[in-house]
C-alpha atoms as a PDB file:
ATOM      1  CA  MET A   1     -62.670  56.060  10.445  1.00  0.00           C
ATOM      2  CA  LYS A   2     -63.808  58.258   7.528  1.00  0.00           C
ATOM      3  CA  THR A   3     -64.429  61.204   9.844  1.00  0.00           C
ATOM      4  CA  ARG A   4     -60.923  60.937  11.281  1.00  0.00           C
ATOM      5  CA  PHE A   5     -59.427  60.798   7.771  1.00  0.00           C
ATOM      6  CA  PHE A   6     -61.342  63.908   6.656  1.00  0.00           C
ATOM      7  CA  ARG A   7     -60.332  65.811   9.805  1.00  0.00           C
ATOM      8  CA  LEU A   8     -56.686  64.961   9.167  1.00  0.00           C
ATOM      9  CA  LEU A   9     -57.005  65.939   5.505  1.00  0.00           C
ATOM     10  CA  PHE A  10     -58.681  69.246   6.443  1.00  0.00           C
ATOM     11  CA  ALA A  11     -55.933  70.069   8.994  1.00  0.00           C
ATOM     12  CA  LEU A  12     -53.238  69.289   6.421  1.00  0.00           C
ATOM     13  CA  LEU A  13     -54.973  71.514   3.873  1.00  0.00           C
ATOM     14  CA  ILE A  14     -55.062  74.434   6.341  1.00  0.00           C
ATOM     15  CA  ILE A  15     -51.370  74.016   7.182  1.00  0.00           C
ATOM     16  CA  CYS A  16     -50.350  73.882   3.506  1.00  0.00           C
ATOM     17  CA  SER A  17     -52.401  76.941   2.564  1.00  0.00           C
ATOM     18  CA  SER A  18     -50.992  79.026   5.430  1.00  0.00           C
ATOM     19  CA  VAL A  19     -47.411  78.101   4.480  1.00  0.00           C
ATOM     20  CA  GLY A  20     -48.092  79.219   0.886  1.00  0.00           C
ATOM     21  CA  TYR A  21     -49.423  82.584   2.089  1.00  0.00           C
ATOM     22  CA  ALA A  22     -46.455  83.179   4.373  1.00  0.00           C
ATOM     23  CA  THR A  23     -43.925  82.580   1.599  1.00  0.00           C
ATOM     24  CA  ALA A  24     -45.814  84.627  -1.013  1.00  0.00           C
ATOM     25  CA  GLN A  25     -45.920  87.781   1.071  1.00  0.00           C
ATOM     26  CA  LYS A  26     -42.611  89.587   1.427  1.00  0.00           C
ATOM     27  CA  GLU A  27     -42.001  92.495   3.752  1.00  0.00           C
ATOM     28  CA  LYS A  28     -39.457  95.279   3.364  1.00  0.00           C
ATOM     29  CA  GLU A  29     -38.710  98.056   5.868  1.00  0.00           C
ATOM     30  CA  ILE A  30     -37.950 101.290   3.998  1.00  0.00           C
ATOM     31  CA  GLU A  31     -35.395 103.755   5.324  1.00  0.00           C
ATOM     32  CA  PRO A  32     -35.739 107.479   4.490  1.00  0.00           C
ATOM     33  CA  ALA A  33     -33.703 108.654   1.472  1.00  0.00           C
ATOM     34  CA  GLU A  34     -32.981 111.839  -0.453  1.00  0.00           C
ATOM     35  CA  LYS A  35     -35.599 113.172  -2.885  1.00  0.00           C
ATOM     36  CA  GLY A  36     -34.883 112.086  -6.478  1.00  0.00           C
ATOM     37  CA  THR A  37     -33.027 108.905  -5.480  1.00  0.00           C
ATOM     38  CA  TRP A  38     -34.089 105.342  -6.352  1.00  0.00           C
ATOM     39  CA  GLN A  39     -34.638 103.071  -3.372  1.00  0.00           C
ATOM     40  CA  HIS A  40     -34.932  99.265  -3.245  1.00  0.00           C
ATOM     41  CA  ILE A  41     -38.459  98.339  -2.086  1.00  0.00           C
ATOM     42  CA  GLY A  42     -38.542  94.541  -2.355  1.00  0.00           C
ATOM     43  CA  THR A  43     -37.460  91.362  -4.164  1.00  0.00           C
ATOM     44  CA  ALA A  44     -39.310  88.291  -5.440  1.00  0.00           C
ATOM     45  CA  THR A  45     -38.297  85.069  -7.193  1.00  0.00           C
ATOM     46  CA  VAL A  46     -40.464  84.318 -10.224  1.00  0.00           C
ATOM     47  CA  GLY A  47     -41.544  80.754 -11.104  1.00  0.00           C
ATOM     48  CA  PHE A  48     -42.218  79.303 -14.566  1.00  0.00           C
ATOM     49  CA  LYS A  49     -45.997  79.618 -14.361  1.00  0.00           C
ATOM     50  CA  THR A  50     -47.978  82.819 -13.949  1.00  0.00           C
ATOM     51  CA  ASP A  51     -47.410  83.958 -10.381  1.00  0.00           C
ATOM     52  CA  ARG A  52     -48.595  86.695  -8.037  1.00  0.00           C
ATOM     53  CA  ASP A  53     -46.560  88.286  -5.290  1.00  0.00           C
ATOM     54  CA  VAL A  54     -47.203  90.973  -2.716  1.00  0.00           C
ATOM     55  CA  VAL A  55     -44.431  93.166  -1.340  1.00  0.00           C
ATOM     56  CA  VAL A  56     -45.510  94.735   1.959  1.00  0.00           C
ATOM     57  CA  VAL A  57     -43.790  98.053   2.695  1.00  0.00           C
ATOM     58  CA  THR A  58     -43.362  98.911   6.382  1.00  0.00           C
ATOM     59  CA  GLY A  59     -42.037 102.230   7.607  1.00  0.00           C
ATOM     60  CA  ALA A  60     -43.373 103.495   4.300  1.00  0.00           C
ATOM     61  CA  ASP A  61     -41.718 106.359   2.558  1.00  0.00           C
ATOM     62  CA  ALA A  62     -43.264 108.497  -0.182  1.00  0.00           C
ATOM     63  CA  PHE A  63     -42.529 107.597  -3.812  1.00  0.00           C
ATOM     64  CA  ARG A  64     -43.346 109.240  -7.141  1.00  0.00           C
ATOM     65  CA  LYS A  65     -42.244 106.486  -9.539  1.00  0.00           C
ATOM     66  CA  LEU A  66     -41.654 102.727  -9.625  1.00  0.00           C
ATOM     67  CA  LYS A  67     -39.672 100.300 -11.809  1.00  0.00           C
ATOM     68  CA  PHE A  68     -38.562  96.640 -11.844  1.00  0.00           C
ATOM     69  CA  LYS A  69     -35.089  95.223 -12.422  1.00  0.00           C
ATOM     70  CA  VAL A  70     -34.675  91.599 -13.530  1.00  0.00           C
ATOM     71  CA  LYS A  71     -31.860  89.077 -12.909  1.00  0.00           C
ATOM     72  CA  ASP A  72     -31.218  85.479 -14.003  1.00  0.00           C
ATOM     73  CA  ALA A  73     -34.017  85.004 -16.597  1.00  0.00           C
ATOM     74  CA  LYS A  74     -36.359  86.845 -18.941  1.00  0.00           C
ATOM     75  CA  ILE A  75     -39.835  87.560 -17.495  1.00  0.00           C
ATOM     76  CA  GLU A  76     -43.185  88.924 -18.539  1.00  0.00           C
ATOM     77  CA  ILE A  77     -44.756  91.353 -16.076  1.00  0.00           C
ATOM     78  CA  LEU A  78     -48.508  91.493 -16.649  1.00  0.00           C
ATOM     79  CA  ASP A  79     -50.089  93.751 -14.016  1.00  0.00           C
ATOM     80  CA  MET A  80     -49.234  95.667 -10.888  1.00  0.00           C
ATOM     81  CA  ASP A  81     -51.563  97.037  -8.194  1.00  0.00           C
ATOM     82  CA  VAL A  82     -50.096  99.669  -5.877  1.00  0.00           C
ATOM     83  CA  ILE A  83     -52.013 100.077  -2.603  1.00  0.00           C
ATOM     84  CA  PHE A  84     -51.290 103.283  -0.702  1.00  0.00           C
ATOM     85  CA  GLU A  85     -51.463 103.893   3.060  1.00  0.00           C
ATOM     86  CA  ASN A  86     -54.866 105.602   2.691  1.00  0.00           C
ATOM     87  CA  GLU A  87     -56.160 102.359   1.039  1.00  0.00           C
ATOM     88  CA  GLU A  88     -56.501 103.997  -2.397  1.00  0.00           C
ATOM     89  CA  HIS A  89     -54.909 101.977  -5.138  1.00  0.00           C
ATOM     90  CA  GLN A  90     -53.554 102.361  -8.642  1.00  0.00           C
ATOM     91  CA  ASP A  91     -53.948  99.413 -11.023  1.00  0.00           C
ATOM     92  CA  ILE A  92     -51.210  99.465 -13.666  1.00  0.00           C
ATOM     93  CA  GLN A  93     -51.177  97.254 -16.758  1.00  0.00           C
ATOM     94  CA  VAL A  94     -47.478  96.700 -17.392  1.00  0.00           C
ATOM     95  CA  ARG A  95     -47.695  94.030 -20.129  1.00  0.00           C
ATOM     96  CA  SER A  96     -43.932  94.019 -20.786  1.00  0.00           C
ATOM     97  CA  ILE A  97     -41.312  91.381 -21.458  1.00  0.00           C
ATOM     98  CA  ILE A  98     -38.102  92.274 -19.657  1.00  0.00           C
ATOM     99  CA  GLU A  99     -34.827  90.637 -20.661  1.00  0.00           C
ATOM    100  CA  ARG A 100     -32.421  89.121 -18.123  1.00  0.00           C
ATOM    101  CA  GLY A 101     -30.392  92.025 -16.705  1.00  0.00           C
ATOM    102  CA  GLY A 102     -32.933  94.584 -17.959  1.00  0.00           C
ATOM    103  CA  GLU A 103     -35.484  96.810 -16.313  1.00  0.00           C
ATOM    104  CA  SER A 104     -39.042  97.978 -16.894  1.00  0.00           C
ATOM    105  CA  ARG A 105     -40.138 101.382 -18.020  1.00  0.00           C
ATOM    106  CA  VAL A 106     -40.482 103.980 -15.281  1.00  0.00           C
ATOM    107  CA  ILE A 107     -44.056 103.948 -13.933  1.00  0.00           C
ATOM    108  CA  ASP A 108     -45.409 107.267 -12.675  1.00  0.00           C
ATOM    109  CA  LEU A 109     -47.715 107.113  -9.667  1.00  0.00           C
ATOM    110  CA  LYS A 110     -50.860 109.256  -9.674  1.00  0.00           C
ATOM    111  CA  GLY A 111     -50.644 112.446  -7.637  1.00  0.00           C
ATOM    112  CA  ASN A 112     -47.502 113.718  -5.974  1.00  0.00           C
ATOM    113  CA  SER A 113     -45.331 111.575  -3.719  1.00  0.00           C
ATOM    114  CA  ARG A 114     -47.409 108.709  -2.314  1.00  0.00           C
ATOM    115  CA  ARG A 115     -46.845 106.502   0.715  1.00  0.00           C
ATOM    116  CA  ILE A 116     -47.044 102.860  -0.393  1.00  0.00           C
ATOM    117  CA  LYS A 117     -48.491 100.161   1.851  1.00  0.00           C
ATOM    118  CA  ARG A 118     -48.009  97.207  -0.512  1.00  0.00           C
ATOM    119  CA  VAL A 119     -47.477  96.344  -4.163  1.00  0.00           C
ATOM    120  CA  ALA A 120     -49.081  93.271  -5.756  1.00  0.00           C
ATOM    121  CA  PHE A 121     -47.870  92.134  -9.142  1.00  0.00           C
ATOM    122  CA  VAL A 122     -48.577  89.323 -11.612  1.00  0.00           C
ATOM    123  CA  TYR A 123     -45.720  87.950 -13.729  1.00  0.00           C
ATOM    124  CA  LYS A 124     -44.168  84.824 -15.218  1.00  0.00           C
ATOM    125  CA  THR A 125     -40.705  83.617 -16.200  1.00  0.00           C
ATOM    126  CA  ILE A 126     -40.226  82.951 -19.879  1.00  0.00           C
ATOM    127  CA  PRO A 127     -38.358  79.617 -19.989  1.00  0.00           C
ATOM    128  CA  GLY A 128     -35.030  79.815 -21.763  1.00  0.00           C
ATOM    129  CA  PHE A 129     -32.137  77.532 -22.394  1.00  0.00           C
ATOM    130  CA  ASN A 130     -30.978  77.428 -18.774  1.00  0.00           C
ATOM    131  CA  PHE A 131     -34.399  77.082 -17.041  1.00  0.00           C
ATOM    132  CA  GLU A 132     -33.459  79.530 -14.293  1.00  0.00           C
ATOM    133  CA  LYS A 133     -36.033  81.399 -12.243  1.00  0.00           C
ATOM    134  CA  ALA A 134     -35.915  85.180 -12.446  1.00  0.00           C
ATOM    135  CA  GLU A 135     -35.272  87.479  -9.507  1.00  0.00           C
ATOM    136  CA  VAL A 136     -37.264  90.702  -9.686  1.00  0.00           C
ATOM    137  CA  THR A 137     -36.456  93.757  -7.593  1.00  0.00           C
ATOM    138  CA  LEU A 138     -38.915  96.611  -7.162  1.00  0.00           C
ATOM    139  CA  TRP A 139     -37.495 100.144  -6.949  1.00  0.00           C
ATOM    140  CA  GLY A 140     -39.160 103.436  -6.013  1.00  0.00           C
ATOM    141  CA  GLU A 141     -38.056 106.974  -6.766  1.00  0.00           C
ATOM    142  CA  LYS A 142     -38.454 109.580  -4.032  1.00  0.00           C
END
């Protein structure tokens, strides 16, 4: 009886952890754009605790700069790790509070234009009067 219970518990744990991974990872197909234009790369909804999201970029295009735009609530972006197609990465300490409707500073990527494979970032919503979750959009400049 105990063995059956532990098997059931283990199976439930595996199912729950795989569902969490599938919802945390977002994928965005990038279309080619003109040099010097800002292009939407991905969107995430930020919870009230510290959270981590990964935006996977398929059909990657080359970008020189990145920035975040924020809707619905104030957030604190802590860190961002940009992983390029050649598996090199650039760890960026953002450490910025961004007001609702605001945007981050422009973040220059090392080197010239770089093809991005995925962007992982750590952030949290700063609870306000309305207790809304923030929506964060990631943008790249060609």
